[in-house]
Amino acid sequence: MKILLIEDDREAADYLKKAFLEAGHVADIAPDGETGFNLADTGSYDVYVVDRLLPRRDGLSVISELREKGDTTPALVLSALGEVDDRVTGLRAGGDDYLTKPYAFSELLARVEVLRRRIGAKDVETRYVVGDLELDRLTHQVRRAGEEITLQPREFRLLEYLMRNAGKVVTRTMLLEHVWDYHFDPQTNVIDVHISRLRGKIEKGFETPVLHTVRGAGYMLRAD
């Protein structure tokens, strides 16, 4: 899941970004409402987590304008304002959930995951098929020719991204940004290592290769 976190408290934002990553999700941080609106308007996210009181533009106006533009991405409002009227205002502005500070990360995570399942799952593919290779996002199962393949969490996210872009060249930069959440190439062989491990798991014992290296460009998942 890819999350847009609009939060001006840098320490809190960095903590949440790390915690989401440990839970298997990727989060981009916007330090103010204007930046958050622009990222939401141009990016592709599964859930927005929005602090209500933000510099440059408050969180509720960000959500409200996104709704006016037809953006239906689930939004959870974070706020120290916890009275009933405050929560009602947040929901009426377009928020799908409202969590009062201070909060436990476990509850925030559960609410975000519920929002994604309840509101977004119907709009997004939950199962990918490339030839005889199948991936189910909901059960986290991968099968090839009916045989179950066990993947580590990072391998699963890597395969999911490749299958989502099946038939297209996926560059190293794209993988770093969407699977590892790096916004630059740190000159590491992490991609090569994981591609090699993934290839071994989804191709060993099967006749047809599906994960191809495109020299000088990146990788492509396709069924020949």
Protein backbone atom coordinates (compact mmCIF):
# COMPACT_ATOMS: atom_id res chain seq x y z
CA MET A 1 0.00 0.00 0.00
CA LYS A 2 1.26 3.48 -0.86
CA ILE A 3 0.36 6.17 1.67
CA LEU A 4 0.58 9.95 1.44
CA LEU A 5 1.35 11.33 4.90
CA ILE A 6 0.65 15.06 5.19
CA GLU A 7 2.22 16.01 8.52
CA ASP A 8 4.24 19.09 9.47
CA ASP A 9 5.82 17.57 12.61
CA ARG A 10 8.98 16.14 11.03
CA GLU A 11 9.82 13.87 13.94
CA ALA A 12 6.33 12.38 13.97
CA ALA A 13 6.30 12.06 10.18
CA ASP A 14 9.66 10.26 10.10
CA TYR A 15 8.47 7.89 12.83
CA LEU A 16 5.27 7.07 10.96
CA LYS A 17 7.10 6.62 7.67
CA LYS A 18 9.46 4.11 9.28
CA ALA A 19 6.62 2.33 11.09
CA PHE A 20 4.55 2.02 7.92
CA LEU A 21 7.58 0.65 6.07
CA GLU A 22 8.13 -1.97 8.77
CA ALA A 23 4.47 -2.95 8.34
CA GLY A 24 5.04 -3.49 4.62
CA HIS A 25 3.76 -0.16 3.29
CA VAL A 26 5.41 2.81 1.57
CA ALA A 27 4.75 6.39 2.72
CA ASP A 28 5.61 9.73 1.11
CA ILE A 29 5.79 12.76 3.41
CA ALA A 30 4.40 16.21 2.66
CA PRO A 31 5.40 18.82 5.30
CA ASP A 32 2.53 21.25 4.60
CA GLY A 33 -0.94 21.35 3.11
CA GLU A 34 0.02 22.90 -0.22
CA THR A 35 2.72 20.32 -0.91
CA GLY A 36 0.34 17.59 0.20
CA PHE A 37 -2.38 18.74 -2.16
CA ASN A 38 0.04 18.87 -5.10
CA LEU A 39 1.39 15.38 -4.36
CA ALA A 40 -2.11 13.97 -4.02
CA ASP A 41 -3.21 15.68 -7.22
CA THR A 42 -0.34 14.28 -9.27
CA GLY A 43 0.53 11.03 -7.48
CA SER A 44 -1.09 7.65 -7.12
CA TYR A 45 -1.82 6.73 -3.50
CA ASP A 46 -3.99 4.17 -1.76
CA VAL A 47 -4.71 6.22 1.38
CA TYR A 48 -4.12 9.77 2.61
CA VAL A 49 -3.22 10.36 6.27
CA VAL A 50 -3.72 14.08 6.88
CA ASP A 51 -2.95 16.21 9.91
CA ARG A 52 -5.71 18.74 10.38
CA LEU A 53 -3.63 21.76 11.44
CA LEU A 54 -0.97 22.39 8.78
CA PRO A 55 1.07 25.34 7.53
CA ARG A 56 0.23 26.99 4.19
CA ARG A 57 -3.07 25.12 3.95
CA ASP A 58 -5.14 23.25 6.53
CA GLY A 59 -5.77 19.54 6.13
CA LEU A 60 -9.55 19.74 5.79
CA SER A 61 -9.35 22.20 2.88
CA VAL A 62 -6.88 19.85 1.17
CA ILE A 63 -9.31 16.93 1.47
CA SER A 64 -12.32 19.05 0.52
CA GLU A 65 -10.75 20.32 -2.70
CA LEU A 66 -9.53 16.84 -3.64
CA ARG A 67 -13.12 15.61 -3.28
CA GLU A 68 -14.36 18.47 -5.47
CA LYS A 69 -11.88 17.33 -8.15
CA GLY A 70 -13.33 13.82 -8.01
CA ASP A 71 -10.55 12.21 -5.95
CA THR A 72 -12.11 9.35 -3.95
CA THR A 73 -8.90 8.10 -2.31
CA PRO A 74 -9.66 7.25 1.35
CA ALA A 75 -8.49 9.94 3.78
CA LEU A 76 -7.88 9.64 7.52
CA VAL A 77 -7.71 12.88 9.49
CA LEU A 78 -5.28 13.19 12.42
CA SER A 79 -6.04 15.95 14.91
CA ALA A 80 -5.61 17.10 18.49
CA LEU A 81 -9.15 18.49 18.18
CA GLY A 82 -11.29 15.66 19.47
CA GLU A 83 -14.69 17.10 20.33
CA VAL A 84 -17.75 15.69 18.58
CA ASP A 85 -18.20 18.85 16.49
CA ASP A 86 -14.55 18.67 15.39
CA ARG A 87 -14.93 15.06 14.25
CA VAL A 88 -18.18 15.81 12.44
CA THR A 89 -16.54 18.76 10.65
CA GLY A 90 -13.66 16.55 9.56
CA LEU A 91 -15.94 13.86 8.18
CA ARG A 92 -18.17 16.35 6.42
CA ALA A 93 -15.11 17.91 4.76
CA GLY A 94 -14.52 14.58 3.02
CA GLY A 95 -12.55 12.59 5.56
CA ASP A 96 -13.36 8.88 5.75
CA ASP A 97 -12.08 8.45 9.31
CA TYR A 98 -10.91 10.70 12.15
CA LEU A 99 -8.30 9.79 14.76
CA THR A 100 -7.57 12.00 17.75
CA LYS A 101 -4.02 12.65 19.00
CA PRO A 102 -2.33 11.13 20.91
CA TYR A 103 -2.91 7.73 19.33
CA ALA A 104 -1.26 4.31 19.17
CA PHE A 105 0.37 3.44 15.86
CA SER A 106 -1.27 0.00 15.96
CA GLU A 107 -4.68 1.68 15.87
CA LEU A 108 -3.66 4.07 13.09
CA LEU A 109 -2.33 1.15 11.04
CA ALA A 110 -5.50 -0.88 11.58
CA ARG A 111 -7.70 2.05 10.55
CA VAL A 112 -5.63 2.73 7.41
CA GLU A 113 -5.75 -0.93 6.39
CA VAL A 114 -9.50 -1.08 6.99
CA LEU A 115 -10.03 2.04 4.88
CA ARG A 116 -8.03 0.50 2.07
CA ARG A 117 -10.03 -2.70 2.16
CA ARG A 118 -13.42 -1.07 2.63
CA ILE A 119 -13.18 1.82 0.22
CA GLY A 120 -10.37 1.14 -2.19
CA ALA A 121 -10.35 -2.60 -2.77
CA LYS A 122 -13.25 -2.47 -5.21
CA ASP A 123 -11.37 0.00 -7.41
CA VAL A 124 -8.05 -1.83 -7.51
CA GLU A 125 -7.08 -5.21 -8.82
CA THR A 126 -6.47 -7.70 -6.03
CA ARG A 127 -5.27 -10.54 -8.24
CA TYR A 128 -2.68 -10.49 -11.00
CA VAL A 129 -2.09 -13.25 -13.54
CA VAL A 130 0.80 -13.48 -15.99
CA GLY A 131 0.79 -16.78 -17.87
CA ASP A 132 0.64 -19.50 -15.23
CA LEU A 133 1.93 -17.16 -12.49
CA GLU A 134 -0.70 -15.83 -10.08
CA LEU A 135 -0.49 -13.34 -7.21
CA ASP A 136 -3.30 -12.57 -4.76
CA ARG A 137 -2.85 -9.30 -2.86
CA LEU A 138 -5.50 -10.10 -0.25
CA THR A 139 -4.23 -13.54 0.78
CA HIS A 140 -0.57 -12.79 -0.05
CA GLN A 141 -0.39 -16.06 -1.96
CA VAL A 142 1.70 -16.66 -5.05
CA ARG A 143 1.26 -19.70 -7.26
CA ARG A 144 2.77 -20.91 -10.49
CA ALA A 145 1.11 -23.71 -12.41
CA GLY A 146 -0.92 -24.32 -9.25
CA GLU A 147 2.18 -24.73 -7.08
CA GLU A 148 2.41 -22.38 -4.09
CA ILE A 149 5.55 -20.24 -3.89
CA THR A 150 6.67 -18.74 -0.58
CA LEU A 151 8.07 -15.21 -0.79
CA GLN A 152 9.51 -12.84 1.79
CA PRO A 153 7.57 -9.54 2.21
CA ARG A 154 9.99 -7.53 0.07
CA GLU A 155 10.01 -10.22 -2.63
CA PHE A 156 6.22 -10.17 -2.63
CA ARG A 157 6.12 -6.38 -3.10
CA LEU A 158 8.72 -6.64 -5.85
CA LEU A 159 6.73 -9.29 -7.70
CA GLU A 160 3.48 -7.39 -7.18
CA TYR A 161 4.96 -4.27 -8.77
CA LEU A 162 6.40 -6.23 -11.68
CA MET A 163 3.09 -8.02 -12.28
CA ARG A 164 1.17 -4.76 -12.05
CA ASN A 165 3.39 -3.52 -14.89
CA ALA A 166 3.55 -6.80 -16.81
CA GLY A 167 4.71 -6.39 -20.39
CA LYS A 168 6.38 -3.04 -19.64
CA VAL A 169 10.00 -2.23 -18.89
CA VAL A 170 10.44 -1.45 -15.19
CA THR A 171 13.57 0.58 -14.49
CA ARG A 172 15.81 0.40 -11.44
CA THR A 173 14.66 3.89 -10.45
CA MET A 174 11.02 2.80 -10.56
CA LEU A 175 11.80 -0.19 -8.34
CA LEU A 176 13.78 1.91 -5.88
CA GLU A 177 10.95 4.43 -5.57
CA HIS A 178 8.00 2.07 -5.43
CA VAL A 179 9.40 -1.02 -3.70
CA TRP A 180 12.24 0.37 -1.55
CA ASP A 181 11.00 3.96 -1.25
CA TYR A 182 14.39 5.39 -2.25
CA HIS A 183 14.25 8.60 -4.27
CA PHE A 184 17.76 8.23 -5.59
CA ASP A 185 20.08 5.40 -6.57
CA PRO A 186 22.29 4.68 -3.55
CA GLN A 187 24.68 2.64 -5.68
CA THR A 188 23.60 -0.57 -4.02
CA ASN A 189 23.14 -4.03 -5.45
CA VAL A 190 19.95 -4.55 -3.45
CA ILE A 191 17.83 -4.78 -6.60
CA ASP A 192 20.12 -7.30 -8.28
CA VAL A 193 20.12 -9.49 -5.16
CA HIS A 194 16.34 -9.48 -4.81
CA ILE A 195 15.71 -9.97 -8.52
CA SER A 196 18.04 -12.97 -8.47
CA ARG A 197 16.26 -14.48 -5.45
CA LEU A 198 12.82 -13.81 -6.92
CA ARG A 199 13.79 -15.27 -10.27
CA GLY A 200 15.03 -18.41 -8.57
CA LYS A 201 11.73 -18.87 -6.74
CA ILE A 202 9.35 -18.23 -9.63
CA GLU A 203 11.38 -19.91 -12.39
CA LYS A 204 13.29 -22.83 -10.84
CA GLY A 205 11.60 -26.07 -11.86
CA PHE A 206 9.45 -24.39 -14.51
CA GLU A 207 10.11 -24.57 -18.25
CA THR A 208 9.31 -21.00 -19.26
CA PRO A 209 11.13 -17.92 -17.92
CA VAL A 210 8.88 -15.00 -16.99
CA LEU A 211 11.27 -12.46 -15.44
CA HIS A 212 13.47 -10.96 -18.13
CA THR A 213 16.39 -8.54 -17.91
CA VAL A 214 16.21 -5.76 -20.50
CA ARG A 215 19.83 -4.81 -21.04
CA GLY A 216 20.55 -1.17 -20.23
CA ALA A 217 16.93 -0.50 -19.25
CA GLY A 218 15.62 -2.66 -16.42
CA TYR A 219 13.36 -5.68 -16.09
CA MET A 220 10.16 -6.99 -17.60
CA LEU A 221 7.73 -9.62 -16.43
CA ARG A 222 5.99 -11.36 -19.30
CA ALA A 223 4.81 -14.81 -20.36
CA ASP A 224 6.46 -15.76 -23.65
